[in-house]
């Protein structure tokens, strides 16, 4: 029976399952794309000097995939937007805690 006390545990388990499932899917997809010389994000055909590698799955020593320069810039922008969002969330939480 799903009660209020179990609802948070079920919600956290569901979110963790989705995140880990997407991580494994990206790992599998990166292994498939790595041998094809295609961009992992947009699928465009790449030459040897037109690509770079980004981390797409895993933690510190994660799975890397080959991407074009445009997708690499977009991925870098996503990382900085995420860092900025976490900084703003921390500042707002600190503000509301102290107010």
C-alpha atoms as a PDB file:
ATOM      1  CA  UNK A   1       0.000   0.000   0.000  1.00  0.00           C
ATOM      2  CA  UNK A   2       1.355   3.432  -0.984  1.00  0.00           C
ATOM      3  CA  UNK A   3       1.162   5.825   1.955  1.00  0.00           C
ATOM      4  CA  UNK A   4       2.494   9.337   2.426  1.00  0.00           C
ATOM      5  CA  UNK A   5       5.590   8.078   4.208  1.00  0.00           C
ATOM      6  CA  UNK A   6       6.447   5.761   1.316  1.00  0.00           C
ATOM      7  CA  UNK A   7       5.618   8.264  -1.412  1.00  0.00           C
ATOM      8  CA  UNK A   8       8.946  10.107  -1.162  1.00  0.00           C
ATOM      9  CA  UNK A   9      10.942   6.864  -1.293  1.00  0.00           C
ATOM     10  CA  UNK A  10       8.998   5.651  -4.334  1.00  0.00           C
ATOM     11  CA  UNK A  11       9.446   9.010  -6.075  1.00  0.00           C
ATOM     12  CA  UNK A  12      13.215   9.074  -5.446  1.00  0.00           C
ATOM     13  CA  UNK A  13      13.560   5.471  -6.637  1.00  0.00           C
ATOM     14  CA  UNK A  14      11.591   6.236  -9.801  1.00  0.00           C
ATOM     15  CA  UNK A  15      13.686   9.310 -10.619  1.00  0.00           C
ATOM     16  CA  UNK A  16      16.944   7.421  -9.945  1.00  0.00           C
ATOM     17  CA  UNK A  17      15.822   4.552 -12.182  1.00  0.00           C
ATOM     18  CA  UNK A  18      15.064   6.946 -15.045  1.00  0.00           C
ATOM     19  CA  UNK A  19      18.407   8.759 -14.646  1.00  0.00           C
ATOM     20  CA  UNK A  20      20.434   5.539 -14.516  1.00  0.00           C
ATOM     21  CA  UNK A  21      18.477   4.107 -17.451  1.00  0.00           C
ATOM     22  CA  UNK A  22      19.232   7.153 -19.590  1.00  0.00           C
ATOM     23  CA  UNK A  23      22.891   6.955 -18.573  1.00  0.00           C
ATOM     24  CA  UNK A  24      23.152   3.337 -19.706  1.00  0.00           C
ATOM     25  CA  UNK A  25      21.292   4.147 -22.938  1.00  0.00           C
ATOM     26  CA  UNK A  26      23.772   6.956 -23.699  1.00  0.00           C
ATOM     27  CA  UNK A  27      26.663   4.571 -22.936  1.00  0.00           C
ATOM     28  CA  UNK A  28      25.285   1.963 -25.342  1.00  0.00           C
ATOM     29  CA  UNK A  29      24.585   4.559 -28.037  1.00  0.00           C
ATOM     30  CA  UNK A  30      28.057   6.099 -27.709  1.00  0.00           C
ATOM     31  CA  UNK A  31      29.648   2.689 -28.237  1.00  0.00           C
ATOM     32  CA  UNK A  32      27.584   2.225 -31.405  1.00  0.00           C
ATOM     33  CA  UNK A  33      28.309   5.687 -32.823  1.00  0.00           C
ATOM     34  CA  UNK A  34      32.016   5.654 -31.922  1.00  0.00           C
ATOM     35  CA  UNK A  35      32.861   3.243 -34.739  1.00  0.00           C
ATOM     36  CA  UNK A  36      30.838   5.101 -37.397  1.00  0.00           C
ATOM     37  CA  UNK A  37      32.537   8.533 -37.393  1.00  0.00           C
ATOM     38  CA  UNK A  38      29.195  10.258 -36.912  1.00  0.00           C
ATOM     39  CA  UNK A  39      28.371  13.009 -34.442  1.00  0.00           C
ATOM     40  CA  UNK A  40      26.776  11.558 -31.295  1.00  0.00           C
ATOM     41  CA  UNK A  41      24.306  14.453 -30.963  1.00  0.00           C
ATOM     42  CA  UNK A  42      23.275  15.423 -34.511  1.00  0.00           C
ATOM     43  CA  UNK A  43      24.465  12.451 -36.587  1.00  0.00           C
ATOM     44  CA  UNK A  44      26.427  14.401 -39.199  1.00  0.00           C
ATOM     45  CA  UNK A  45      29.323  12.589 -40.898  1.00  0.00           C
ATOM     46  CA  UNK A  46      32.702  13.672 -39.455  1.00  0.00           C
ATOM     47  CA  UNK A  47      36.229  13.735 -40.766  1.00  0.00           C
ATOM     48  CA  UNK A  48      39.287  13.007 -38.610  1.00  0.00           C
ATOM     49  CA  UNK A  49      40.052  16.699 -37.925  1.00  0.00           C
ATOM     50  CA  UNK A  50      36.424  17.830 -37.472  1.00  0.00           C
ATOM     51  CA  UNK A  51      35.579  16.079 -34.230  1.00  0.00           C
ATOM     52  CA  UNK A  52      36.152  16.259 -30.511  1.00  0.00           C
ATOM     53  CA  UNK A  53      35.120  14.035 -27.621  1.00  0.00           C
ATOM     54  CA  UNK A  54      32.664  14.848 -24.846  1.00  0.00           C
ATOM     55  CA  UNK A  55      31.585  12.818 -21.832  1.00  0.00           C
ATOM     56  CA  UNK A  56      28.079  11.441 -22.369  1.00  0.00           C
ATOM     57  CA  UNK A  57      27.649   8.781 -19.682  1.00  0.00           C
ATOM     58  CA  UNK A  58      29.151   7.665 -16.411  1.00  0.00           C
ATOM     59  CA  UNK A  59      30.945   9.614 -13.740  1.00  0.00           C
ATOM     60  CA  UNK A  60      34.533  10.905 -13.649  1.00  0.00           C
ATOM     61  CA  UNK A  61      35.957   8.359 -16.104  1.00  0.00           C
ATOM     62  CA  UNK A  62      32.762   8.215 -18.130  1.00  0.00           C
ATOM     63  CA  UNK A  63      31.986   7.120 -21.646  1.00  0.00           C
ATOM     64  CA  UNK A  64      33.122   9.590 -24.274  1.00  0.00           C
ATOM     65  CA  UNK A  65      31.545  10.082 -27.667  1.00  0.00           C
ATOM     66  CA  UNK A  66      32.710  11.817 -30.835  1.00  0.00           C
ATOM     67  CA  UNK A  67      30.835  15.039 -31.660  1.00  0.00           C
ATOM     68  CA  UNK A  68      31.151  17.894 -34.134  1.00  0.00           C
ATOM     69  CA  UNK A  69      32.490  21.273 -33.018  1.00  0.00           C
ATOM     70  CA  UNK A  70      29.018  22.861 -32.979  1.00  0.00           C
ATOM     71  CA  UNK A  71      27.621  20.183 -30.668  1.00  0.00           C
ATOM     72  CA  UNK A  72      30.707  20.414 -28.438  1.00  0.00           C
ATOM     73  CA  UNK A  73      30.115  24.146 -27.973  1.00  0.00           C
ATOM     74  CA  UNK A  74      26.453  23.505 -27.238  1.00  0.00           C
ATOM     75  CA  UNK A  75      27.382  20.846 -24.649  1.00  0.00           C
ATOM     76  CA  UNK A  76      29.803  23.252 -22.967  1.00  0.00           C
ATOM     77  CA  UNK A  77      27.062  25.875 -22.845  1.00  0.00           C
ATOM     78  CA  UNK A  78      24.682  23.364 -21.238  1.00  0.00           C
ATOM     79  CA  UNK A  79      27.254  22.598 -18.537  1.00  0.00           C
ATOM     80  CA  UNK A  80      27.746  26.284 -17.710  1.00  0.00           C
ATOM     81  CA  UNK A  81      23.989  26.906 -17.664  1.00  0.00           C
ATOM     82  CA  UNK A  82      23.633  24.012 -15.212  1.00  0.00           C
ATOM     83  CA  UNK A  83      26.398  25.396 -12.976  1.00  0.00           C
ATOM     84  CA  UNK A  84      24.775  28.826 -13.059  1.00  0.00           C
ATOM     85  CA  UNK A  85      21.353  27.383 -12.241  1.00  0.00           C
ATOM     86  CA  UNK A  86      22.776  25.536  -9.244  1.00  0.00           C
ATOM     87  CA  UNK A  87      24.499  28.727  -8.047  1.00  0.00           C
ATOM     88  CA  UNK A  88      21.258  30.698  -8.349  1.00  0.00           C
ATOM     89  CA  UNK A  89      19.320  27.939  -6.550  1.00  0.00           C
ATOM     90  CA  UNK A  90      21.906  27.958  -3.741  1.00  0.00           C
ATOM     91  CA  UNK A  91      21.728  31.755  -3.468  1.00  0.00           C
ATOM     92  CA  UNK A  92      17.920  31.706  -3.368  1.00  0.00           C
ATOM     93  CA  UNK A  93      17.891  28.955  -0.755  1.00  0.00           C
ATOM     94  CA  UNK A  94      20.386  30.905   1.351  1.00  0.00           C
ATOM     95  CA  UNK A  95      18.342  34.091   0.953  1.00  0.00           C
ATOM     96  CA  UNK A  96      15.083  32.446   1.993  1.00  0.00           C
ATOM     97  CA  UNK A  97      16.781  30.642   4.864  1.00  0.00           C
ATOM     98  CA  UNK A  98      18.227  33.847   6.294  1.00  0.00           C
ATOM     99  CA  UNK A  99      15.175  36.051   5.577  1.00  0.00           C
END
